[in-house]
Amino acid sequence: MKDDEILHCDVLNYFTAEFHALQERLRTGELDDYRERVLVSQKIAEAVHLLSPYVRSDPRARHLVRSAETLKKELLSVRDIIVKQLMQQKDQRSLLQAIVRRKRALTSDGLSN
C-alpha cells in the first residue's frame, strides 16, 4: 500500500470512530445541551467538507458522509430534548403528587387516632 492510501484509510477510520462515539453519546443521552449539539454538528459539517473530495471515488467515504449527515440531523433535532424535558416534568409532578398523597394519608391517620 502507498503512503497516501494508508493515510486515506487512517483518516476514514478516525472519522468513523469519532462519528460512532458521537452516535453513542447521543443514544445514551450525554448530549442533552442543545448548544453542545449545535457545536458538534458544526464540527461534523467541517469533517464532511474535508471528506467530500473522496466521495466520488471511495464508497466507504460516501457511506461515512451519509451517516455523518444523518447524525448531524439527529443532533439538531429538538424533538428528543423536548420529549426528555416533558418526561422529567411528568416525573416531577408524579413525585410531588405522591408526596402530597403520603402527607395527607399521614395527617388523616394522625387525626383519627
PDB file of N, CA and C in Angstrom:
ATOM      1  N   MET A   1       0.829  -1.175   0.000  1.00  0.00           N
ATOM      2  CA  MET A   1       0.000   0.000   0.000  1.00  0.00           C
ATOM      3  C   MET A   1       0.880   1.247   0.000  1.00  0.00           C
ATOM      4  N   LYS A   2       0.459   2.240  -0.728  1.00  0.00           N
ATOM      5  CA  LYS A   2       1.185   3.505  -0.754  1.00  0.00           C
ATOM      6  C   LYS A   2       0.885   4.291   0.515  1.00  0.00           C
ATOM      7  N   ASP A   3       1.763   5.246   0.787  1.00  0.00           N
ATOM      8  CA  ASP A   3       1.569   6.080   1.973  1.00  0.00           C
ATOM      9  C   ASP A   3       0.262   6.869   1.902  1.00  0.00           C
ATOM     10  N   ASP A   4      -0.096   7.338   0.693  1.00  0.00           N
ATOM     11  CA  ASP A   4      -1.350   8.085   0.535  1.00  0.00           C
ATOM     12  C   ASP A   4      -2.559   7.216   0.854  1.00  0.00           C
ATOM     13  N   GLU A   5      -2.519   5.964   0.421  1.00  0.00           N
ATOM     14  CA  GLU A   5      -3.638   5.056   0.688  1.00  0.00           C
ATOM     15  C   GLU A   5      -3.751   4.740   2.176  1.00  0.00           C
ATOM     16  N   ILE A   6      -2.608   4.589   2.822  1.00  0.00           N
ATOM     17  CA  ILE A   6      -2.596   4.324   4.259  1.00  0.00           C
ATOM     18  C   ILE A   6      -3.147   5.524   5.017  1.00  0.00           C
ATOM     19  N   LEU A   7      -2.720   6.717   4.618  1.00  0.00           N
ATOM     20  CA  LEU A   7      -3.200   7.931   5.259  1.00  0.00           C
ATOM     21  C   LEU A   7      -4.704   8.090   5.037  1.00  0.00           C
ATOM     22  N   HIS A   8      -5.154   7.838   3.820  1.00  0.00           N
ATOM     23  CA  HIS A   8      -6.570   7.914   3.482  1.00  0.00           C
ATOM     24  C   HIS A   8      -7.376   6.937   4.347  1.00  0.00           C
ATOM     25  N   CYS A   9      -6.901   5.736   4.480  1.00  0.00           N
ATOM     26  CA  CYS A   9      -7.565   4.719   5.298  1.00  0.00           C
ATOM     27  C   CYS A   9      -7.576   5.135   6.770  1.00  0.00           C
ATOM     28  N   ASP A  10      -6.470   5.690   7.250  1.00  0.00           N
ATOM     29  CA  ASP A  10      -6.393   6.146   8.644  1.00  0.00           C
ATOM     30  C   ASP A  10      -7.383   7.278   8.910  1.00  0.00           C
ATOM     31  N   VAL A  11      -7.512   8.193   7.957  1.00  0.00           N
ATOM     32  CA  VAL A  11      -8.445   9.308   8.113  1.00  0.00           C
ATOM     33  C   VAL A  11      -9.882   8.791   8.167  1.00  0.00           C
ATOM     34  N   LEU A  12     -10.212   7.876   7.268  1.00  0.00           N
ATOM     35  CA  LEU A  12     -11.562   7.304   7.278  1.00  0.00           C
ATOM     36  C   LEU A  12     -11.835   6.546   8.577  1.00  0.00           C
ATOM     37  N   ASN A  13     -10.851   5.804   9.044  1.00  0.00           N
ATOM     38  CA  ASN A  13     -11.008   5.066  10.313  1.00  0.00           C
ATOM     39  C   ASN A  13     -11.212   6.030  11.479  1.00  0.00           C
ATOM     40  N   TYR A  14     -10.452   7.129  11.475  1.00  0.00           N
ATOM     41  CA  TYR A  14     -10.572   8.122  12.538  1.00  0.00           C
ATOM     42  C   TYR A  14     -11.981   8.709  12.570  1.00  0.00           C
ATOM     43  N   PHE A  15     -12.451   9.180  11.417  1.00  0.00           N
ATOM     44  CA  PHE A  15     -13.773   9.789  11.370  1.00  0.00           C
ATOM     45  C   PHE A  15     -14.881   8.777  11.667  1.00  0.00           C
ATOM     46  N   THR A  16     -14.712   7.554  11.228  1.00  0.00           N
ATOM     47  CA  THR A  16     -15.687   6.507  11.530  1.00  0.00           C
ATOM     48  C   THR A  16     -15.782   6.311  13.037  1.00  0.00           C
ATOM     49  N   ALA A  17     -14.659   6.238  13.710  1.00  0.00           N
ATOM     50  CA  ALA A  17     -14.645   6.055  15.163  1.00  0.00           C
ATOM     51  C   ALA A  17     -15.258   7.264  15.879  1.00  0.00           C
ATOM     52  N   GLU A  18     -14.925   8.456  15.421  1.00  0.00           N
ATOM     53  CA  GLU A  18     -15.457   9.667  16.054  1.00  0.00           C
ATOM     54  C   GLU A  18     -16.970   9.765  15.884  1.00  0.00           C
ATOM     55  N   PHE A  19     -17.459   9.490  14.691  1.00  0.00           N
ATOM     56  CA  PHE A  19     -18.899   9.556  14.449  1.00  0.00           C
ATOM     57  C   PHE A  19     -19.635   8.487  15.251  1.00  0.00           C
ATOM     58  N   HIS A  20     -19.022   7.319  15.357  1.00  0.00           N
ATOM     59  CA  HIS A  20     -19.634   6.255  16.155  1.00  0.00           C
ATOM     60  C   HIS A  20     -19.698   6.664  17.632  1.00  0.00           C
ATOM     61  N   ALA A  21     -18.636   7.279  18.129  1.00  0.00           N
ATOM     62  CA  ALA A  21     -18.614   7.726  19.528  1.00  0.00           C
ATOM     63  C   ALA A  21     -19.680   8.801  19.768  1.00  0.00           C
ATOM     64  N   LEU A  22     -19.840   9.699  18.812  1.00  0.00           N
ATOM     65  CA  LEU A  22     -20.867  10.732  18.946  1.00  0.00           C
ATOM     66  C   LEU A  22     -22.269  10.122  18.919  1.00  0.00           C
ATOM     67  N   GLN A  23     -22.464   9.160  18.042  1.00  0.00           N
ATOM     68  CA  GLN A  23     -23.753   8.478  17.957  1.00  0.00           C
ATOM     69  C   GLN A  23     -24.067   7.791  19.287  1.00  0.00           C
ATOM     70  N   GLU A  24     -23.071   7.192  19.883  1.00  0.00           N
ATOM     71  CA  GLU A  24     -23.243   6.514  21.173  1.00  0.00           C
ATOM     72  C   GLU A  24     -23.572   7.530  22.278  1.00  0.00           C
ATOM     73  N   ARG A  25     -22.874   8.670  22.288  1.00  0.00           N
ATOM     74  CA  ARG A  25     -23.156   9.714  23.278  1.00  0.00           C
ATOM     75  C   ARG A  25     -24.574  10.247  23.119  1.00  0.00           C
ATOM     76  N   LEU A  26     -25.008  10.375  21.879  1.00  0.00           N
ATOM     77  CA  LEU A  26     -26.362  10.850  21.621  1.00  0.00           C
ATOM     78  C   LEU A  26     -27.383   9.814  22.089  1.00  0.00           C
ATOM     79  N   ARG A  27     -27.111   8.555  21.818  1.00  0.00           N
ATOM     80  CA  ARG A  27     -28.020   7.477  22.198  1.00  0.00           C
ATOM     81  C   ARG A  27     -28.152   7.357  23.715  1.00  0.00           C
ATOM     82  N   THR A  28     -27.057   7.536  24.433  1.00  0.00           N
ATOM     83  CA  THR A  28     -27.083   7.388  25.885  1.00  0.00           C
ATOM     84  C   THR A  28     -27.534   8.648  26.614  1.00  0.00           C
ATOM     85  N   GLY A  29     -27.768   9.720  25.863  1.00  0.00           N
ATOM     86  CA  GLY A  29     -28.270  10.947  26.478  1.00  0.00           C
ATOM     87  C   GLY A  29     -27.212  11.866  27.028  1.00  0.00           C
ATOM     88  N   GLU A  30     -25.977  11.659  26.662  1.00  0.00           N
ATOM     89  CA  GLU A  30     -24.903  12.527  27.152  1.00  0.00           C
ATOM     90  C   GLU A  30     -24.892  13.886  26.463  1.00  0.00           C
ATOM     91  N   LEU A  31     -25.544  13.988  25.320  1.00  0.00           N
ATOM     92  CA  LEU A  31     -25.587  15.254  24.590  1.00  0.00           C
ATOM     93  C   LEU A  31     -26.956  15.895  24.780  1.00  0.00           C
ATOM     94  N   ASP A  32     -27.239  16.360  25.994  1.00  0.00           N
ATOM     95  CA  ASP A  32     -28.537  16.962  26.283  1.00  0.00           C
ATOM     96  C   ASP A  32     -28.563  18.452  26.007  1.00  0.00           C
ATOM     97  N   ASP A  33     -27.436  19.098  26.142  1.00  0.00           N
ATOM     98  CA  ASP A  33     -27.361  20.536  25.949  1.00  0.00           C
ATOM     99  C   ASP A  33     -27.443  20.862  24.456  1.00  0.00           C
ATOM    100  N   TYR A  34     -28.444  21.669  24.086  1.00  0.00           N
ATOM    101  CA  TYR A  34     -28.631  21.964  22.657  1.00  0.00           C
ATOM    102  C   TYR A  34     -27.457  22.752  22.094  1.00  0.00           C
ATOM    103  N   ARG A  35     -26.873  23.618  22.908  1.00  0.00           N
ATOM    104  CA  ARG A  35     -25.707  24.394  22.445  1.00  0.00           C
ATOM    105  C   ARG A  35     -24.563  23.453  22.059  1.00  0.00           C
ATOM    106  N   GLU A  36     -24.321  22.458  22.888  1.00  0.00           N
ATOM    107  CA  GLU A  36     -23.272  21.482  22.596  1.00  0.00           C
ATOM    108  C   GLU A  36     -23.599  20.700  21.326  1.00  0.00           C
ATOM    109  N   ARG A  37     -24.863  20.379  21.149  1.00  0.00           N
ATOM    110  CA  ARG A  37     -25.277  19.664  19.940  1.00  0.00           C
ATOM    111  C   ARG A  37     -24.990  20.485  18.687  1.00  0.00           C
ATOM    112  N   VAL A  38     -25.263  21.787  18.760  1.00  0.00           N
ATOM    113  CA  VAL A  38     -25.012  22.661  17.612  1.00  0.00           C
ATOM    114  C   VAL A  38     -23.520  22.717  17.309  1.00  0.00           C
ATOM    115  N   LEU A  39     -22.702  22.858  18.343  1.00  0.00           N
ATOM    116  CA  LEU A  39     -21.256  22.908  18.144  1.00  0.00           C
ATOM    117  C   LEU A  39     -20.736  21.601  17.532  1.00  0.00           C
ATOM    118  N   VAL A  40     -21.231  20.484  18.029  1.00  0.00           N
ATOM    119  CA  VAL A  40     -20.813  19.184  17.496  1.00  0.00           C
ATOM    120  C   VAL A  40     -21.250  19.037  16.043  1.00  0.00           C
ATOM    121  N   SER A  41     -22.457  19.494  15.732  1.00  0.00           N
ATOM    122  CA  SER A  41     -22.922  19.388  14.345  1.00  0.00           C
ATOM    123  C   SER A  41     -22.096  20.275  13.416  1.00  0.00           C
ATOM    124  N   GLN A  42     -21.616  21.399  13.914  1.00  0.00           N
ATOM    125  CA  GLN A  42     -20.728  22.253  13.109  1.00  0.00           C
ATOM    126  C   GLN A  42     -19.395  21.546  12.840  1.00  0.00           C
ATOM    127  N   LYS A  43     -18.898  20.854  13.839  1.00  0.00           N
ATOM    128  CA  LYS A  43     -17.656  20.079  13.651  1.00  0.00           C
ATOM    129  C   LYS A  43     -17.873  18.958  12.635  1.00  0.00           C
ATOM    130  N   ILE A  44     -19.036  18.333  12.688  1.00  0.00           N
ATOM    131  CA  ILE A  44     -19.356  17.282  11.718  1.00  0.00           C
ATOM    132  C   ILE A  44     -19.403  17.875  10.318  1.00  0.00           C
ATOM    133  N   ALA A  45     -19.983  19.064  10.187  1.00  0.00           N
ATOM    134  CA  ALA A  45     -20.039  19.727   8.878  1.00  0.00           C
ATOM    135  C   ALA A  45     -18.633  19.997   8.341  1.00  0.00           C
ATOM    136  N   GLU A  46     -17.726  20.379   9.218  1.00  0.00           N
ATOM    137  CA  GLU A  46     -16.337  20.593   8.803  1.00  0.00           C
ATOM    138  C   GLU A  46     -15.706  19.276   8.344  1.00  0.00           C
ATOM    139  N   ALA A  47     -15.965  18.216   9.060  1.00  0.00           N
ATOM    140  CA  ALA A  47     -15.425  16.903   8.686  1.00  0.00           C
ATOM    141  C   ALA A  47     -15.991  16.446   7.350  1.00  0.00           C
ATOM    142  N   VAL A  48     -17.278  16.658   7.149  1.00  0.00           N
ATOM    143  CA  VAL A  48     -17.907  16.294   5.880  1.00  0.00           C
ATOM    144  C   VAL A  48     -17.285  17.088   4.742  1.00  0.00           C
ATOM    145  N   HIS A  49     -17.011  18.340   5.003  1.00  0.00           N
ATOM    146  CA  HIS A  49     -16.358  19.175   3.983  1.00  0.00           C
ATOM    147  C   HIS A  49     -14.979  18.618   3.625  1.00  0.00           C
ATOM    148  N   LEU A  50     -14.251  18.158   4.623  1.00  0.00           N
ATOM    149  CA  LEU A  50     -12.927  17.577   4.364  1.00  0.00           C
ATOM    150  C   LEU A  50     -13.016  16.249   3.622  1.00  0.00           C
ATOM    151  N   LEU A  51     -14.066  15.506   3.874  1.00  0.00           N
ATOM    152  CA  LEU A  51     -14.231  14.194   3.242  1.00  0.00           C
ATOM    153  C   LEU A  51     -14.872  14.267   1.856  1.00  0.00           C
ATOM    154  N   SER A  52     -15.509  15.375   1.546  1.00  0.00           N
ATOM    155  CA  SER A  52     -16.276  15.464   0.295  1.00  0.00           C
ATOM    156  C   SER A  52     -15.473  15.214  -0.980  1.00  0.00           C
ATOM    157  N   PRO A  53     -14.184  15.564  -1.077  1.00  0.00           N
ATOM    158  CA  PRO A  53     -13.460  15.250  -2.320  1.00  0.00           C
ATOM    159  C   PRO A  53     -13.329  13.747  -2.593  1.00  0.00           C
ATOM    160  N   TYR A  54     -13.463  12.930  -1.574  1.00  0.00           N
ATOM    161  CA  TYR A  54     -13.260  11.488  -1.730  1.00  0.00           C
ATOM    162  C   TYR A  54     -14.562  10.722  -1.983  1.00  0.00           C
ATOM    163  N   VAL A  55     -15.680  11.415  -1.918  1.00  0.00           N
ATOM    164  CA  VAL A  55     -16.983  10.760  -2.008  1.00  0.00           C
ATOM    165  C   VAL A  55     -17.198  10.078  -3.356  1.00  0.00           C
ATOM    166  N   ARG A  56     -16.763  10.716  -4.415  1.00  0.00           N
ATOM    167  CA  ARG A  56     -16.989  10.135  -5.742  1.00  0.00           C
ATOM    168  C   ARG A  56     -16.196   8.861  -5.975  1.00  0.00           C
ATOM    169  N   SER A  57     -14.984   8.822  -5.471  1.00  0.00           N
ATOM    170  CA  SER A  57     -14.112   7.698  -5.795  1.00  0.00           C
ATOM    171  C   SER A  57     -14.099   6.589  -4.743  1.00  0.00           C
ATOM    172  N   ASP A  58     -14.585   6.873  -3.552  1.00  0.00           N
ATOM    173  CA  ASP A  58     -14.484   5.894  -2.471  1.00  0.00           C
ATOM    174  C   ASP A  58     -15.859   5.619  -1.851  1.00  0.00           C
ATOM    175  N   PRO A  59     -16.373   4.411  -2.017  1.00  0.00           N
ATOM    176  CA  PRO A  59     -17.684   4.093  -1.439  1.00  0.00           C
ATOM    177  C   PRO A  59     -17.708   4.189   0.083  1.00  0.00           C
ATOM    178  N   ARG A  60     -16.596   3.890   0.705  1.00  0.00           N
ATOM    179  CA  ARG A  60     -16.533   3.983   2.168  1.00  0.00           C
ATOM    180  C   ARG A  60     -16.676   5.437   2.618  1.00  0.00           C
ATOM    181  N   ALA A  61     -16.028   6.346   1.913  1.00  0.00           N
ATOM    182  CA  ALA A  61     -16.158   7.776   2.232  1.00  0.00           C
ATOM    183  C   ALA A  61     -17.587   8.248   1.977  1.00  0.00           C
ATOM    184  N   ARG A  62     -18.202   7.757   0.927  1.00  0.00           N
ATOM    185  CA  ARG A  62     -19.581   8.124   0.610  1.00  0.00           C
ATOM    186  C   ARG A  62     -20.518   7.681   1.739  1.00  0.00           C
ATOM    187  N   HIS A  63     -20.350   6.461   2.202  1.00  0.00           N
ATOM    188  CA  HIS A  63     -21.166   5.951   3.306  1.00  0.00           C
ATOM    189  C   HIS A  63     -20.912   6.760   4.585  1.00  0.00           C
ATOM    190  N   LEU A  64     -19.676   7.090   4.832  1.00  0.00           N
ATOM    191  CA  LEU A  64     -19.307   7.852   6.026  1.00  0.00           C
ATOM    192  C   LEU A  64     -19.940   9.238   6.001  1.00  0.00           C
ATOM    193  N   VAL A  65     -19.928   9.872   4.846  1.00  0.00           N
ATOM    194  CA  VAL A  65     -20.528  11.199   4.724  1.00  0.00           C
ATOM    195  C   VAL A  65     -22.038  11.118   4.917  1.00  0.00           C
ATOM    196  N   ARG A  66     -22.668  10.108   4.361  1.00  0.00           N
ATOM    197  CA  ARG A  66     -24.113   9.946   4.540  1.00  0.00           C
ATOM    198  C   ARG A  66     -24.468   9.741   6.015  1.00  0.00           C
ATOM    199  N   SER A  67     -23.713   8.892   6.674  1.00  0.00           N
ATOM    200  CA  SER A  67     -24.006   8.650   8.092  1.00  0.00           C
ATOM    201  C   SER A  67     -23.716   9.901   8.934  1.00  0.00           C
ATOM    202  N   ALA A  68     -22.719  10.673   8.547  1.00  0.00           N
ATOM    203  CA  ALA A  68     -22.414  11.924   9.264  1.00  0.00           C
ATOM    204  C   ALA A  68     -23.540  12.933   9.082  1.00  0.00           C
ATOM    205  N   GLU A  69     -24.096  13.004   7.895  1.00  0.00           N
ATOM    206  CA  GLU A  69     -25.218  13.916   7.642  1.00  0.00           C
ATOM    207  C   GLU A  69     -26.438  13.499   8.465  1.00  0.00           C
ATOM    208  N   THR A  70     -26.683  12.213   8.563  1.00  0.00           N
ATOM    209  CA  THR A  70     -27.796  11.713   9.374  1.00  0.00           C
ATOM    210  C   THR A  70     -27.576  12.047  10.847  1.00  0.00           C
ATOM    211  N   LEU A  71     -26.349  11.841  11.310  1.00  0.00           N
ATOM    212  CA  LEU A  71     -26.013  12.157  12.696  1.00  0.00           C
ATOM    213  C   LEU A  71     -26.204  13.645  12.968  1.00  0.00           C
ATOM    214  N   LYS A  72     -25.801  14.466  12.023  1.00  0.00           N
ATOM    215  CA  LYS A  72     -25.954  15.912  12.176  1.00  0.00           C
ATOM    216  C   LYS A  72     -27.431  16.289  12.303  1.00  0.00           C
ATOM    217  N   LYS A  73     -28.285  15.675  11.500  1.00  0.00           N
ATOM    218  CA  LYS A  73     -29.726  15.945  11.589  1.00  0.00           C
ATOM    219  C   LYS A  73     -30.273  15.516  12.944  1.00  0.00           C
ATOM    220  N   GLU A  74     -29.821  14.377  13.430  1.00  0.00           N
ATOM    221  CA  GLU A  74     -30.276  13.904  14.744  1.00  0.00           C
ATOM    222  C   GLU A  74     -29.837  14.859  15.847  1.00  0.00           C
ATOM    223  N   LEU A  75     -28.624  15.367  15.732  1.00  0.00           N
ATOM    224  CA  LEU A  75     -28.114  16.292  16.740  1.00  0.00           C
ATOM    225  C   LEU A  75     -28.911  17.590  16.760  1.00  0.00           C
ATOM    226  N   LEU A  76     -29.316  18.052  15.592  1.00  0.00           N
ATOM    227  CA  LEU A  76     -30.028  19.318  15.510  1.00  0.00           C
ATOM    228  C   LEU A  76     -31.526  19.172  15.754  1.00  0.00           C
ATOM    229  N   SER A  77     -31.990  17.947  15.911  1.00  0.00           N
ATOM    230  CA  SER A  77     -33.397  17.713  16.192  1.00  0.00           C
ATOM    231  C   SER A  77     -33.688  18.072  17.648  1.00  0.00           C
ATOM    232  N   VAL A  78     -34.677  18.909  17.846  1.00  0.00           N
ATOM    233  CA  VAL A  78     -35.021  19.294  19.213  1.00  0.00           C
ATOM    234  C   VAL A  78     -36.079  18.373  19.803  1.00  0.00           C
ATOM    235  N   ARG A  79     -36.602  17.490  18.988  1.00  0.00           N
ATOM    236  CA  ARG A  79     -37.659  16.590  19.446  1.00  0.00           C
ATOM    237  C   ARG A  79     -37.216  15.779  20.663  1.00  0.00           C
ATOM    238  N   ASP A  80     -36.033  15.191  20.597  1.00  0.00           N
ATOM    239  CA  ASP A  80     -35.543  14.376  21.707  1.00  0.00           C
ATOM    240  C   ASP A  80     -35.416  15.189  22.984  1.00  0.00           C
ATOM    241  N   ILE A  81     -34.935  16.407  22.853  1.00  0.00           N
ATOM    242  CA  ILE A  81     -34.746  17.264  24.017  1.00  0.00           C
ATOM    243  C   ILE A  81     -36.095  17.609  24.637  1.00  0.00           C
ATOM    244  N   ILE A  82     -37.061  17.951  23.796  1.00  0.00           N
ATOM    245  CA  ILE A  82     -38.394  18.309  24.293  1.00  0.00           C
ATOM    246  C   ILE A  82     -39.051  17.117  24.967  1.00  0.00           C
ATOM    247  N   VAL A  83     -38.966  15.952  24.348  1.00  0.00           N
ATOM    248  CA  VAL A  83     -39.562  14.746  24.941  1.00  0.00           C
ATOM    249  C   VAL A  83     -38.931  14.448  26.290  1.00  0.00           C
ATOM    250  N   LYS A  84     -37.614  14.562  26.370  1.00  0.00           N
ATOM    251  CA  LYS A  84     -36.932  14.291  27.635  1.00  0.00           C
ATOM    252  C   LYS A  84     -37.360  15.289  28.712  1.00  0.00           C
ATOM    253  N   GLN A  85     -37.483  16.570  28.343  1.00  0.00           N
ATOM    254  CA  GLN A  85     -37.915  17.577  29.308  1.00  0.00           C
ATOM    255  C   GLN A  85     -39.344  17.318  29.768  1.00  0.00           C
ATOM    256  N   LEU A  86     -40.221  16.944  28.844  1.00  0.00           N
ATOM    257  CA  LEU A  86     -41.600  16.635  29.217  1.00  0.00           C
ATOM    258  C   LEU A  86     -41.662  15.432  30.158  1.00  0.00           C
ATOM    259  N   MET A  87     -40.846  14.436  29.898  1.00  0.00           N
ATOM    260  CA  MET A  87     -40.813  13.259  30.769  1.00  0.00           C
ATOM    261  C   MET A  87     -40.308  13.639  32.164  1.00  0.00           C
ATOM    262  N   GLN A  88     -39.305  14.510  32.226  1.00  0.00           N
ATOM    263  CA  GLN A  88     -38.800  14.941  33.529  1.00  0.00           C
ATOM    264  C   GLN A  88     -39.870  15.715  34.293  1.00  0.00           C
ATOM    265  N   GLN A  89     -40.596  16.582  33.588  1.00  0.00           N
ATOM    266  CA  GLN A  89     -41.663  17.336  34.237  1.00  0.00           C
ATOM    267  C   GLN A  89     -42.749  16.397  34.747  1.00  0.00           C
ATOM    268  N   LYS A  90     -43.088  15.402  33.950  1.00  0.00           N
ATOM    269  CA  LYS A  90     -44.108  14.431  34.345  1.00  0.00           C
ATOM    270  C   LYS A  90     -43.647  13.660  35.585  1.00  0.00           C
ATOM    271  N   ASP A  91     -42.359  13.251  35.575  1.00  0.00           N
ATOM    272  CA  ASP A  91     -41.820  12.531  36.735  1.00  0.00           C
ATOM    273  C   ASP A  91     -41.840  13.405  37.982  1.00  0.00           C
ATOM    274  N   GLN A  92     -41.508  14.687  37.824  1.00  0.00           N
ATOM    275  CA  GLN A  92     -41.513  15.599  38.967  1.00  0.00           C
ATOM    276  C   GLN A  92     -42.928  15.785  39.509  1.00  0.00           C
ATOM    277  N   ARG A  93     -43.906  15.922  38.594  1.00  0.00           N
ATOM    278  CA  ARG A  93     -45.293  16.054  39.033  1.00  0.00           C
ATOM    279  C   ARG A  93     -45.757  14.796  39.752  1.00  0.00           C
ATOM    280  N   SER A  94     -45.393  13.643  39.223  1.00  0.00           N
ATOM    281  CA  SER A  94     -45.789  12.381  39.858  1.00  0.00           C
ATOM    282  C   SER A  94     -45.173  12.260  41.245  1.00  0.00           C
ATOM    283  N   LEU A  95     -43.934  12.656  41.365  1.00  0.00           N
ATOM    284  CA  LEU A  95     -43.265  12.617  42.667  1.00  0.00           C
ATOM    285  C   LEU A  95     -43.936  13.571  43.642  1.00  0.00           C
ATOM    286  N   LEU A  96     -44.246  14.759  43.179  1.00  0.00           N
ATOM    287  CA  LEU A  96     -44.907  15.740  44.029  1.00  0.00           C
ATOM    288  C   LEU A  96     -46.291  15.240  44.457  1.00  0.00           C
ATOM    289  N   GLN A  97     -47.028  14.646  43.540  1.00  0.00           N
ATOM    290  CA  GLN A  97     -48.347  14.097  43.874  1.00  0.00           C
ATOM    291  C   GLN A  97     -48.221  12.973  44.889  1.00  0.00           C
ATOM    292  N   ALA A  98     -47.218  12.131  44.747  1.00  0.00           N
ATOM    293  CA  ALA A  98     -47.016  11.043  45.701  1.00  0.00           C
ATOM    294  C   ALA A  98     -46.680  11.595  47.083  1.00  0.00           C
ATOM    295  N   ILE A  99     -45.898  12.635  47.138  1.00  0.00           N
ATOM    296  CA  ILE A  99     -45.543  13.251  48.427  1.00  0.00           C
ATOM    297  C   ILE A  99     -46.781  13.848  49.078  1.00  0.00           C
ATOM    298  N   VAL A 100     -47.589  14.547  48.290  1.00  0.00           N
ATOM    299  CA  VAL A 100     -48.813  15.160  48.830  1.00  0.00           C
ATOM    300  C   VAL A 100     -49.761  14.082  49.336  1.00  0.00           C
ATOM    301  N   ARG A 101     -49.949  12.996  48.553  1.00  0.00           N
ATOM    302  CA  ARG A 101     -50.823  11.901  48.989  1.00  0.00           C
ATOM    303  C   ARG A 101     -50.312  11.286  50.290  1.00  0.00           C
ATOM    304  N   ARG A 102     -49.029  11.086  50.361  1.00  0.00           N
ATOM    305  CA  ARG A 102     -48.426  10.490  51.558  1.00  0.00           C
ATOM    306  C   ARG A 102     -48.634  11.394  52.768  1.00  0.00           C
ATOM    307  N   LYS A 103     -48.434  12.687  52.552  1.00  0.00           N
ATOM    308  CA  LYS A 103     -48.598  13.636  53.647  1.00  0.00           C
ATOM    309  C   LYS A 103     -50.051  13.667  54.110  1.00  0.00           C
ATOM    310  N   ARG A 104     -50.983  13.648  53.149  1.00  0.00           N
ATOM    311  CA  ARG A 104     -52.416  13.623  53.509  1.00  0.00           C
ATOM    312  C   ARG A 104     -52.766  12.344  54.276  1.00  0.00           C
ATOM    313  N   ALA A 105     -52.236  11.233  53.816  1.00  0.00           N
ATOM    314  CA  ALA A 105     -52.513   9.957  54.477  1.00  0.00           C
ATOM    315  C   ALA A 105     -51.976   9.975  55.909  1.00  0.00           C
ATOM    316  N   LEU A 106     -50.795  10.537  56.093  1.00  0.00           N
ATOM    317  CA  LEU A 106     -50.204  10.589  57.434  1.00  0.00           C
ATOM    318  C   LEU A 106     -50.987  11.510  58.328  1.00  0.00           C
ATOM    319  N   THR A 107     -51.427  12.678  57.804  1.00  0.00           N
ATOM    320  CA  THR A 107     -52.183  13.609  58.649  1.00  0.00           C
ATOM    321  C   THR A 107     -53.572  13.066  58.959  1.00  0.00           C
ATOM    322  N   SER A 108     -54.190  12.380  58.014  1.00  0.00           N
ATOM    323  CA  SER A 108     -55.524  11.826  58.294  1.00  0.00           C
ATOM    324  C   SER A 108     -55.434  10.673  59.285  1.00  0.00           C
ATOM    325  N   ASP A 109     -54.351   9.891  59.231  1.00  0.00           N
ATOM    326  CA  ASP A 109     -54.158   8.809  60.205  1.00  0.00           C
ATOM    327  C   ASP A 109     -53.896   9.393  61.586  1.00  0.00           C
ATOM    328  N   GLY A 110     -53.186  10.471  61.631  1.00  0.00           N
ATOM    329  CA  GLY A 110     -52.864  11.118  62.916  1.00  0.00           C
ATOM    330  C   GLY A 110     -54.088  11.739  63.548  1.00  0.00           C
ATOM    331  N   LEU A 111     -55.012  12.238  62.757  1.00  0.00           N
ATOM    332  CA  LEU A 111     -56.221  12.861  63.293  1.00  0.00           C
ATOM    333  C   LEU A 111     -57.215  11.822  63.788  1.00  0.00           C
ATOM    334  N   SER A 112     -57.249  10.661  63.154  1.00  0.00           N
ATOM    335  CA  SER A 112     -58.234   9.660  63.566  1.00  0.00           C
ATOM    336  C   SER A 112     -57.804   8.923  64.821  1.00  0.00           C
ATOM    337  N   ASN A 113     -56.525   8.934  65.162  1.00  0.00           N
ATOM    338  CA  ASN A 113     -56.057   8.246  66.379  1.00  0.00           C
ATOM    339  C   ASN A 113     -56.226   9.059  67.574  1.00  0.00           C
TER     340      ASN A 113
END
